[in-house]
Structures are given as C-alpha cells and as structure tokens.
C-alpha atoms as a PDB file:
ATOM      1  CA  MET A   1      76.822  93.427  78.926  1.00  0.00           C
ATOM      2  CA  ILE A   2      79.343  94.957  76.492  1.00  0.00           C
ATOM      3  CA  GLN A   3      80.898  91.523  76.088  1.00  0.00           C
ATOM      4  CA  ARG A   4      77.604  90.082  74.842  1.00  0.00           C
ATOM      5  CA  VAL A   5      77.218  92.836  72.271  1.00  0.00           C
ATOM      6  CA  THR A   6      80.793  92.650  71.088  1.00  0.00           C
ATOM      7  CA  SER A   7      80.684  88.881  70.778  1.00  0.00           C
ATOM      8  CA  LEU A   8      77.537  89.178  68.702  1.00  0.00           C
ATOM      9  CA  ALA A   9      79.262  91.800  66.553  1.00  0.00           C
ATOM     10  CA  ALA A  10      76.309  94.151  66.795  1.00  0.00           C
ATOM     11  CA  THR A  11      76.148  96.792  64.152  1.00  0.00           C
ATOM     12  CA  ALA A  12      74.451 100.109  64.620  1.00  0.00           C
ATOM     13  CA  ALA A  13      74.280 103.345  62.687  1.00  0.00           C
ATOM     14  CA  LEU A  14      74.212 106.925  63.860  1.00  0.00           C
ATOM     15  CA  ALA A  15      73.264 109.842  61.652  1.00  0.00           C
ATOM     16  CA  LEU A  16      75.293 112.935  62.298  1.00  0.00           C
ATOM     17  CA  GLY A  17      74.555 116.497  61.272  1.00  0.00           C
ATOM     18  CA  ALA A  18      76.659 119.603  61.226  1.00  0.00           C
ATOM     19  CA  LEU A  19      79.670 118.973  63.393  1.00  0.00           C
ATOM     20  CA  THR A  20      81.722 121.287  65.504  1.00  0.00           C
ATOM     21  CA  GLY A  21      85.448 120.931  65.130  1.00  0.00           C
ATOM     22  CA  CYS A  22      85.317 119.954  61.452  1.00  0.00           C
ATOM     23  CA  THR A  23      88.011 121.343  59.228  1.00  0.00           C
ATOM     24  CA  PHE A  24      88.802 120.825  55.594  1.00  0.00           C
ATOM     25  CA  SER A  25      91.971 120.381  53.606  1.00  0.00           C
ATOM     26  CA  GLY A  26      92.802 122.237  50.395  1.00  0.00           C
ATOM     27  CA  SER A  27      91.085 119.564  48.302  1.00  0.00           C
ATOM     28  CA  LEU A  28      87.780 120.165  50.128  1.00  0.00           C
ATOM     29  CA  THR A  29      88.072 116.954  52.109  1.00  0.00           C
ATOM     30  CA  TYR A  30      86.695 117.653  55.556  1.00  0.00           C
ATOM     31  CA  THR A  31      88.245 116.177  58.675  1.00  0.00           C
ATOM     32  CA  VAL A  32      87.040 115.573  62.196  1.00  0.00           C
ATOM     33  CA  PRO A  33      89.053 114.657  65.306  1.00  0.00           C
ATOM     34  CA  ALA A  34      89.234 110.914  66.027  1.00  0.00           C
ATOM     35  CA  SER A  35      87.973 111.708  69.526  1.00  0.00           C
ATOM     36  CA  THR A  36      84.724 112.992  67.992  1.00  0.00           C
ATOM     37  CA  ILE A  37      84.259 109.723  66.103  1.00  0.00           C
ATOM     38  CA  ALA A  38      85.033 107.797  69.305  1.00  0.00           C
ATOM     39  CA  THR A  39      82.399 109.744  71.256  1.00  0.00           C
ATOM     40  CA  GLN A  40      79.847 109.062  68.534  1.00  0.00           C
ATOM     41  CA  ALA A  41      80.737 105.344  68.638  1.00  0.00           C
ATOM     42  CA  GLU A  42      80.235 105.397  72.426  1.00  0.00           C
ATOM     43  CA  ASP A  43      76.780 106.903  71.825  1.00  0.00           C
ATOM     44  CA  VAL A  44      75.891 104.088  69.425  1.00  0.00           C
ATOM     45  CA  PHE A  45      77.057 101.362  71.815  1.00  0.00           C
ATOM     46  CA  GLU A  46      75.204 103.008  74.699  1.00  0.00           C
ATOM     47  CA  GLN A  47      71.978 103.188  72.673  1.00  0.00           C
ATOM     48  CA  THR A  48      72.394  99.552  71.614  1.00  0.00           C
ATOM     49  CA  VAL A  49      73.516  97.991  74.902  1.00  0.00           C
ATOM     50  CA  GLY A  50      72.280 100.355  77.577  1.00  0.00           C
ATOM     51  CA  SER A  51      75.675 101.060  79.135  1.00  0.00           C
ATOM     52  CA  ARG A  52      78.391 103.386  77.895  1.00  0.00           C
ATOM     53  CA  PRO A  53      81.807 101.962  77.072  1.00  0.00           C
ATOM     54  CA  SER A  54      84.966 103.932  76.497  1.00  0.00           C
ATOM     55  CA  VAL A  55      86.076 103.951  72.849  1.00  0.00           C
ATOM     56  CA  ASP A  56      89.540 105.034  71.670  1.00  0.00           C
ATOM     57  CA  CYS A  57      90.057 105.640  67.942  1.00  0.00           C
ATOM     58  CA  GLY A  58      93.453 107.328  68.224  1.00  0.00           C
ATOM     59  CA  VAL A  59      94.455 110.967  68.036  1.00  0.00           C
ATOM     60  CA  GLU A  60      94.699 111.693  64.319  1.00  0.00           C
ATOM     61  CA  ASP A  61      92.160 113.746  62.402  1.00  0.00           C
ATOM     62  CA  VAL A  62      89.893 111.552  60.304  1.00  0.00           C
ATOM     63  CA  GLU A  63      89.120 112.473  56.706  1.00  0.00           C
ATOM     64  CA  LEU A  64      85.392 112.427  56.016  1.00  0.00           C
ATOM     65  CA  VAL A  65      85.536 110.087  53.052  1.00  0.00           C
ATOM     66  CA  GLU A  66      82.970 107.442  52.132  1.00  0.00           C
ATOM     67  CA  GLY A  67      84.151 104.035  53.366  1.00  0.00           C
ATOM     68  CA  GLN A  68      86.760 105.436  55.764  1.00  0.00           C
ATOM     69  CA  HIS A  69      87.598 102.646  58.246  1.00  0.00           C
ATOM     70  CA  LEU A  70      88.929 103.123  61.777  1.00  0.00           C
ATOM     71  CA  ASP A  71      90.265 100.403  64.049  1.00  0.00           C
ATOM     72  CA  CYS A  72      89.357 101.382  67.598  1.00  0.00           C
ATOM     73  CA  VAL A  73      89.512  99.894  71.085  1.00  0.00           C
ATOM     74  CA  LEU A  74      86.382  99.530  73.220  1.00  0.00           C
ATOM     75  CA  THR A  75      86.808  99.256  76.997  1.00  0.00           C
ATOM     76  CA  ASP A  76      84.007  97.842  79.136  1.00  0.00           C
ATOM     77  CA  PRO A  77      83.824 100.156  82.170  1.00  0.00           C
ATOM     78  CA  ALA A  78      82.368  97.411  84.388  1.00  0.00           C
ATOM     79  CA  THR A  79      85.186  94.904  83.803  1.00  0.00           C
ATOM     80  CA  GLY A  80      88.031  96.896  82.276  1.00  0.00           C
ATOM     81  CA  LEU A  81      88.212  94.328  79.468  1.00  0.00           C
ATOM     82  CA  ARG A  82      89.259  95.701  76.077  1.00  0.00           C
ATOM     83  CA  TYR A  83      87.758  94.683  72.749  1.00  0.00           C
ATOM     84  CA  GLU A  84      88.451  95.397  69.112  1.00  0.00           C
ATOM     85  CA  ALA A  85      85.933  97.790  67.585  1.00  0.00           C
ATOM     86  CA  THR A  86      85.610  99.076  64.058  1.00  0.00           C
ATOM     87  CA  VAL A  87      83.988 102.273  62.885  1.00  0.00           C
ATOM     88  CA  ASP A  88      83.167 102.930  59.240  1.00  0.00           C
ATOM     89  CA  LEU A  89      81.952 106.194  57.710  1.00  0.00           C
ATOM     90  CA  THR A  90      79.012 105.991  55.320  1.00  0.00           C
ATOM     91  CA  GLU A  91      76.782 108.422  53.461  1.00  0.00           C
ATOM     92  CA  VAL A  92      79.408 111.159  53.640  1.00  0.00           C
ATOM     93  CA  ASP A  93      78.214 114.502  52.313  1.00  0.00           C
ATOM     94  CA  GLY A  94      80.509 117.366  53.270  1.00  0.00           C
ATOM     95  CA  THR A  95      80.442 117.499  57.073  1.00  0.00           C
ATOM     96  CA  GLU A  96      77.441 115.187  57.367  1.00  0.00           C
ATOM     97  CA  TYR A  97      77.929 111.439  57.649  1.00  0.00           C
ATOM     98  CA  LYS A  98      76.773 108.290  59.338  1.00  0.00           C
ATOM     99  CA  ILE A  99      78.850 105.736  61.162  1.00  0.00           C
ATOM    100  CA  THR A 100      78.512 102.026  61.610  1.00  0.00           C
ATOM    101  CA  VAL A 101      80.194 100.438  64.588  1.00  0.00           C
ATOM    102  CA  GLU A 102      80.961  96.826  65.240  1.00  0.00           C
ATOM    103  CA  GLY A 103      82.344  95.212  68.360  1.00  0.00           C
ATOM    104  CA  GLY A 104      84.983  92.551  67.929  1.00  0.00           C
ATOM    105  CA  ASP A 105      87.167  90.115  69.780  1.00  0.00           C
ATOM    106  CA  LEU A 106      88.629  90.458  73.244  1.00  0.00           C
ATOM    107  CA  ILE A 107      92.123  91.970  73.187  1.00  0.00           C
ATOM    108  CA  GLU A 108      94.423  89.844  75.285  1.00  0.00           C
END
C-alpha cells in the first residue's frame, strides 16, 4: 500500500504544536531532532495510507526555518522496500510548524 501512495506522490500536512526536545541557537532559531520530524512524517503517512512506514531523516538537529527541506528514506514494513521521501517545514512560528511530506521513487 505504501508503494501506491509513494508512486502517486501523495502530499499531506500535519500541524504541530509545542514540541518537546526543541532547543534554540543563539540567533533564536529553534531546532528539533531529525528523529522527531521522521516520527511526524510517519504519522502523516499512516493517516494517509492506513499503515505505518518507517521514515529516516538522519541524525542531525533540524533548524525550524520556513522552507526547510529534508531528504528522507521511507521503508515499507510489509515489503522492506525503500523509497525516497521529502519533508518540508511550513508555517514556522517559533516552535510551532507544519510539515508536508511526499513519497518518491523506489531506491534501488
């Protein structure tokens, strides 16, 4: 089922409120662990498709900046197949933001 969604390049958005684990740098740019973004992307895919994939967006902290783009890897738990996935931050306001996720091509 994940394959169908990723091939259709489904896009979904998730509104996020106050986050645990957020930090900020000296210039008042907040950050959040990439694993938090990945979990939120998994939530979006699960809500859209009905099954929960595994999403890996790396290990670096992500600056909460409008338009921030992450290249991630989505793994279909039923098949083990891996797909490109992108996550973009939108409507960033301090520690509040939304994400859009899009499934991509099969990684061979």
